[in-house]
Protein backbone atom coordinates (compact mmCIF):
# COMPACT_ATOMS: atom_id res chain seq x y z
CA MET A 1 23.60 -34.17 19.03
CA THR A 2 22.36 -30.14 19.80
CA ASP A 3 22.83 -27.22 18.58
CA THR A 4 23.42 -25.30 21.93
CA VAL A 5 24.13 -27.21 25.18
CA LEU A 6 23.89 -26.72 28.64
CA ALA A 7 26.14 -28.51 31.40
CA VAL A 8 25.35 -27.09 35.31
CA LEU A 9 28.23 -28.00 37.34
CA ASN A 10 27.55 -30.08 41.00
CA GLN A 11 29.36 -26.92 42.87
CA PRO A 12 30.45 -28.54 46.33
CA SER A 13 30.46 -25.67 49.09
CA ARG A 14 33.54 -23.68 50.03
CA ASP A 15 33.83 -26.06 52.91
CA ALA A 16 33.03 -29.19 51.37
CA ALA A 17 35.17 -31.96 50.85
CA PRO A 18 37.17 -32.22 47.89
CA HIS A 19 34.97 -33.54 44.52
CA ASP A 20 35.02 -37.17 44.55
CA PRO A 21 36.14 -38.21 40.79
CA GLU A 22 33.53 -40.80 40.84
CA ALA A 23 30.84 -38.54 41.16
CA ASP A 24 29.22 -36.92 38.98
CA ALA A 25 31.14 -33.46 37.92
CA PHE A 26 27.85 -31.96 36.13
CA THR A 27 24.06 -32.52 35.41
CA TRP A 28 22.85 -31.82 31.65
CA ALA A 29 20.31 -28.94 31.16
CA THR A 30 18.01 -27.69 28.67
CA PRO A 31 19.44 -23.98 27.97
CA LEU A 32 16.54 -22.40 27.70
CA GLU A 33 14.36 -23.44 30.59
CA GLU A 34 14.96 -21.73 33.84
CA HIS A 35 17.97 -22.26 36.21
CA LEU A 36 19.53 -19.48 37.83
CA GLN A 37 18.16 -18.52 41.42
CA VAL A 38 16.80 -14.83 41.35
CA GLN A 39 18.90 -14.07 44.49
CA ASP A 40 22.44 -15.58 42.58
CA LEU A 41 25.55 -12.63 42.78
CA GLY A 42 26.26 -13.39 39.60
CA ALA A 43 22.67 -12.55 38.24
CA ILE A 44 22.22 -9.09 41.17
CA ARG A 45 26.14 -8.12 41.04
CA GLY A 46 28.18 -9.77 38.48
CA ASP A 47 29.88 -11.07 40.92
CA GLY A 48 31.65 -13.85 39.05
CA VAL A 49 34.20 -14.84 36.54
CA PHE A 50 33.80 -16.70 33.23
CA GLU A 51 35.94 -17.59 29.97
CA THR A 52 34.97 -18.52 26.43
CA ILE A 53 36.82 -20.75 24.71
CA THR A 54 36.89 -21.37 20.71
CA VAL A 55 35.59 -24.69 19.75
CA VAL A 56 36.42 -25.49 16.31
CA ASP A 57 35.13 -29.05 14.43
CA GLY A 58 34.07 -29.79 18.00
CA ARG A 59 37.72 -29.41 20.08
CA PRO A 60 37.96 -26.94 22.35
CA GLN A 61 40.92 -24.79 21.88
CA ALA A 62 43.88 -23.07 24.25
CA LEU A 63 41.86 -25.55 26.83
CA GLU A 64 44.35 -25.20 29.18
CA PRO A 65 45.19 -21.49 29.12
CA HIS A 66 41.69 -20.69 29.27
CA LEU A 67 41.19 -22.77 32.53
CA ALA A 68 44.44 -21.44 34.08
CA ARG A 69 43.01 -17.90 33.52
CA PHE A 70 39.82 -18.99 34.95
CA VAL A 71 41.81 -20.02 38.19
CA ARG A 72 43.43 -17.27 38.32
CA SER A 73 40.55 -14.56 37.71
CA ALA A 74 38.40 -17.10 40.69
CA ALA A 75 41.51 -16.21 43.01
CA MET A 76 41.42 -12.36 42.09
CA LEU A 77 37.68 -12.16 43.53
CA ASP A 78 38.40 -14.84 46.43
CA LEU A 79 36.34 -17.58 44.93
CA PRO A 80 36.60 -20.98 45.67
CA ALA A 81 39.44 -22.97 43.80
CA PRO A 82 37.86 -24.16 40.72
CA ASP A 83 37.87 -27.69 40.13
CA LEU A 84 39.52 -28.34 37.00
CA ASP A 85 38.98 -32.05 36.55
CA ALA A 86 35.16 -31.27 36.89
CA TRP A 87 34.90 -28.14 34.69
CA ARG A 88 37.04 -30.07 32.11
CA GLN A 89 35.41 -32.86 31.90
CA ALA A 90 32.10 -30.70 31.59
CA ILE A 91 33.60 -28.34 28.74
CA GLU A 92 34.77 -31.30 26.59
CA ALA A 93 31.59 -33.21 27.15
CA ALA A 94 29.43 -29.90 26.37
CA CYS A 95 31.40 -29.72 23.01
CA ALA A 96 31.12 -33.43 21.74
CA ARG A 97 27.42 -33.02 22.30
CA LEU A 98 27.00 -30.33 19.74
CA ASP A 99 26.07 -30.46 16.86
CA PRO A 100 29.16 -30.97 14.20
CA VAL A 101 29.59 -27.40 13.04
CA HIS A 102 33.73 -26.19 12.19
CA GLU A 103 32.94 -22.84 14.86
CA ALA A 104 31.68 -22.78 17.80
CA PHE A 105 32.10 -21.46 21.28
CA ALA A 106 31.89 -22.93 24.96
CA LYS A 107 31.52 -20.72 27.74
CA THR A 108 32.29 -21.23 31.49
CA VAL A 109 30.48 -19.10 34.01
CA MET A 110 31.31 -19.16 38.31
CA THR A 111 29.18 -17.25 40.38
CA ARG A 112 29.81 -16.83 44.03
CA GLY A 113 26.02 -18.25 44.18
CA VAL A 114 23.17 -16.94 46.23
CA GLU A 115 24.43 -14.94 48.85
CA GLY A 116 24.78 -16.76 52.16
CA SER A 117 24.97 -20.67 51.31
CA GLY A 118 28.68 -20.71 50.49
CA ARG A 119 27.92 -22.65 47.45
CA PRO A 120 29.26 -21.12 43.88
CA THR A 121 27.15 -21.53 41.23
CA GLY A 122 28.68 -23.12 37.99
CA TRP A 123 27.90 -23.62 34.12
CA VAL A 124 29.08 -24.72 30.76
CA TYR A 125 27.00 -23.38 27.49
CA ALA A 126 28.33 -24.20 24.26
CA ALA A 127 26.83 -23.47 20.81
CA PRO A 128 28.04 -22.53 17.13
CA SER A 129 29.31 -19.20 16.17
CA GLY A 130 28.20 -16.53 14.09
CA ASP A 131 29.86 -16.23 10.89
CA GLN A 132 33.09 -14.33 11.57
CA THR A 133 33.92 -13.77 7.74
CA PRO A 134 33.57 -9.89 7.29
CA ALA A 135 35.32 -9.27 10.66
CA ARG A 136 38.13 -11.20 9.21
CA THR A 137 38.82 -10.37 5.74
CA LYS A 138 37.00 -6.72 5.48
CA GLY A 139 38.72 -5.35 9.18
CA ILE A 140 36.95 -3.65 11.78
CA ALA A 141 37.29 0.14 12.92
CA VAL A 142 37.44 1.12 16.19
CA VAL A 143 37.44 4.03 17.94
CA THR A 144 39.89 4.77 21.58
CA LEU A 145 38.08 5.84 24.99
CA ASP A 146 39.19 7.05 28.03
CA ARG A 147 39.18 4.05 30.59
CA GLY A 148 38.98 6.84 33.43
CA TYR A 149 42.42 4.46 35.02
CA ARG A 150 45.92 5.42 35.01
CA HIS A 151 48.01 2.44 33.38
CA ASP A 152 49.47 1.25 36.82
CA VAL A 153 45.82 1.00 38.54
CA GLU A 154 46.26 -2.62 39.06
CA ARG A 155 49.41 -1.82 41.14
CA THR A 156 47.56 0.79 42.81
CA SER A 157 44.45 -0.39 43.08
CA PRO A 158 43.82 -4.02 43.24
CA TRP A 159 40.12 -4.36 44.25
CA LEU A 160 39.68 -2.79 41.02
CA LEU A 161 39.72 -6.41 39.53
CA GLN A 162 41.60 -5.06 36.45
CA GLY A 163 43.08 -8.32 35.32
CA ALA A 164 40.45 -10.72 36.14
CA LYS A 165 37.77 -12.07 33.58
CA THR A 166 34.76 -11.08 35.64
CA LEU A 167 30.89 -10.91 34.68
CA SER A 168 31.05 -7.27 35.75
CA TYR A 169 30.95 -6.02 31.70
CA ALA A 170 28.57 -3.11 31.57
CA VAL A 171 30.89 -0.74 31.25
CA ASN A 172 33.01 -2.63 28.34
CA MET A 173 29.10 -2.61 26.72
CA ALA A 174 28.54 0.48 27.20
CA ALA A 175 31.95 1.19 25.84
CA LEU A 176 31.09 -0.97 23.05
CA ARG A 177 27.45 0.98 22.65
CA GLU A 178 29.71 4.14 22.47
CA ALA A 179 31.84 2.90 19.71
CA GLU A 180 28.70 2.30 17.61
CA ARG A 181 27.29 5.43 17.90
CA ARG A 182 30.40 6.86 16.37
CA GLY A 183 30.14 4.49 13.56
CA ALA A 184 32.58 2.08 14.96
CA ASP A 185 32.39 -1.49 15.30
CA ASP A 186 34.64 -1.76 18.78
CA ALA A 187 36.47 0.53 21.05
CA LEU A 188 40.29 0.58 21.74
CA PHE A 189 40.44 1.43 25.89
CA VAL A 190 43.50 4.18 26.49
CA SER A 191 44.67 4.86 30.23
CA SER A 192 44.27 7.87 31.66
CA ASP A 193 47.76 9.04 31.29
CA GLY A 194 48.38 7.66 27.41
CA TYR A 195 48.81 4.53 27.07
CA VAL A 196 46.80 1.88 24.76
CA LEU A 197 45.25 -1.04 26.33
CA GLU A 198 42.68 -3.51 25.01
CA GLY A 199 39.28 -3.46 23.40
CA THR A 200 36.10 -4.22 24.98
CA ARG A 201 36.46 -7.82 24.39
CA ALA A 202 39.73 -8.37 23.15
CA ASN A 203 43.68 -7.83 22.75
CA LEU A 204 45.76 -5.67 20.58
CA VAL A 205 48.72 -6.85 18.78
CA ALA A 206 50.92 -4.38 16.29
CA SER A 207 52.79 -4.86 13.52
CA VAL A 208 55.88 -2.54 14.14
CA ASP A 209 58.84 -2.90 11.93
CA GLY A 210 58.19 -6.07 11.82
CA ARG A 211 58.15 -7.45 15.55
CA PHE A 212 54.61 -8.02 16.92
CA VAL A 213 54.01 -5.81 19.78
CA THR A 214 51.05 -6.02 22.28
CA PRO A 215 50.62 -4.26 25.53
CA ARG A 216 52.24 -5.15 28.77
CA THR A 217 49.69 -7.27 30.75
CA ASP A 218 50.93 -5.63 34.25
CA ILE A 219 48.83 -2.74 33.80
CA GLY A 220 45.06 -3.63 34.55
CA ILE A 221 44.38 -5.77 31.07
CA LEU A 222 43.46 -8.96 30.64
CA ALA A 223 46.35 -11.44 29.73
CA GLY A 224 45.15 -12.71 26.26
CA THR A 225 45.06 -16.77 25.40
CA THR A 226 44.36 -15.79 21.50
CA GLN A 227 46.94 -13.27 21.87
CA ALA A 228 49.59 -15.40 23.36
CA ASP A 229 48.71 -18.22 20.52
CA VAL A 230 48.96 -15.39 17.91
CA PHE A 231 52.84 -14.39 19.41
CA ARG A 232 53.64 -18.51 19.15
CA PHE A 233 52.66 -18.28 15.55
CA ALA A 234 54.88 -15.58 15.04
CA GLU A 235 57.63 -17.24 16.61
CA GLY A 236 57.57 -20.19 14.77
CA GLU A 237 57.79 -17.46 11.89
CA GLY A 238 60.71 -15.89 12.99
CA ILE A 239 59.02 -12.55 13.82
CA ALA A 240 60.18 -11.09 16.60
CA THR A 241 57.70 -10.59 20.03
CA SER A 242 57.09 -7.85 22.74
CA TYR A 243 55.22 -6.66 25.53
CA GLU A 244 55.82 -3.21 25.63
CA LEU A 245 54.11 0.21 26.49
CA LEU A 246 52.06 1.36 24.09
CA THR A 247 51.05 5.26 23.26
CA LEU A 248 48.84 6.83 20.68
CA ALA A 249 51.53 7.87 18.53
CA ASP A 250 53.14 3.93 18.91
CA LEU A 251 49.47 3.09 17.29
CA GLU A 252 49.62 5.77 14.63
CA ALA A 253 53.29 4.22 13.59
CA ALA A 254 52.44 0.82 13.44
CA ASP A 255 52.46 -0.78 10.32
CA ALA A 256 49.00 -3.00 10.81
CA LEU A 257 46.95 -3.34 13.55
CA TRP A 258 44.82 -6.25 14.82
CA LEU A 259 42.13 -7.18 17.72
CA LEU A 260 42.55 -10.86 18.74
CA SER A 261 39.88 -12.60 20.42
CA SER A 262 38.03 -16.33 20.88
CA VAL A 263 35.59 -16.41 18.56
CA ARG A 264 36.49 -13.78 16.06
CA GLN A 265 40.10 -14.77 16.32
CA ALA A 266 42.26 -12.18 14.19
CA ALA A 267 40.94 -8.91 12.90
CA PRO A 268 42.48 -6.37 11.24
CA ILE A 269 41.92 -2.63 12.03
CA ARG A 270 40.99 -0.94 8.99
CA SER A 271 40.51 2.38 10.71
CA VAL A 272 41.40 4.20 14.31
CA ASN A 273 38.91 7.24 15.12
CA GLY A 274 38.04 7.35 11.55
CA VAL A 275 41.33 7.42 10.08
CA ALA A 276 42.00 4.31 7.34
CA ARG A 277 44.70 2.11 8.24
CA SER A 278 46.90 -0.08 5.78
CA MET A 279 45.72 -3.66 6.51
CA ASP A 280 47.85 -6.79 6.06
CA LEU A 281 45.33 -9.02 4.73
CA PRO A 282 47.59 -11.65 3.75
CA MET A 283 49.38 -11.95 7.13
CA THR A 284 45.68 -11.67 8.73
CA GLU A 285 44.74 -15.18 6.51
CA ARG A 286 48.00 -17.02 7.91
CA ILE A 287 46.92 -15.61 11.76
CA ASN A 288 43.50 -16.99 11.22
CA ASP A 289 44.53 -20.48 9.49
CA PHE A 290 46.73 -20.78 12.50
CA LEU A 291 44.70 -20.13 15.11
CA LEU A 292 41.60 -22.44 13.83
CA SER A 293 44.38 -25.37 13.23
CA ARG A 294 45.53 -25.46 17.10
CA ASP A 295 45.13 -28.78 18.64
CA ALA A 296 45.10 -27.68 21.93
């Protein structure tokens, strides 16, 4: 057992034969030692994809939806298709090797590798999560920021890779820093034509007249695995769910708002642009209890 774990995938080149199931899918490595070549395109161009998976009591949650999104993101970047058996094996082994903790995470990363090599780089890193209790119980403050794209950018400009979970997170991190400069905890992106999109690292869900509503996933945002499970919770509770185009006026009219993500889970929004919002803390507790008790 250890407090952090790193498994480096034994990635074949694009033209190599399929992975031999009898061969080792990955190699254990020491997390703080040097592993990435300085010319790896993931490091110098952000050319790669990743997933962050919640781990509860050593069990990776929503593993198959995360792997499916990992494959979709890789396809959008024209990366080789991930060998799901190898990745699944590495994720499960990394989670099992962690010190026993209630909440942890596993991060899968695949880059295009060193330019010209034709061989992607891949690894799984696992570690305990930080304490998310304040965000879950006291709520978070958010500000809205213009993303600079219309809501139909995924259809008009697919080369911008909106909707793929890529390593190119510089804009997201700049937005998060801007939110912090404005005294907030996170930012909520809005399209240039006025539609609410997503957080810097999270999906939005609004409670509207007894329904759970989230922005449509065909408007250049990432389809959320945690959001999908919250909708599954809602449907089990008899709460109607819907994917819709939402405006800032819809945001203001909502009864309650949450940002949903792996690790943090459901964080109720206590203010938007400095204006206080009511929070449904009992519902938040029920949602997080459900999320942290998932067995798949």
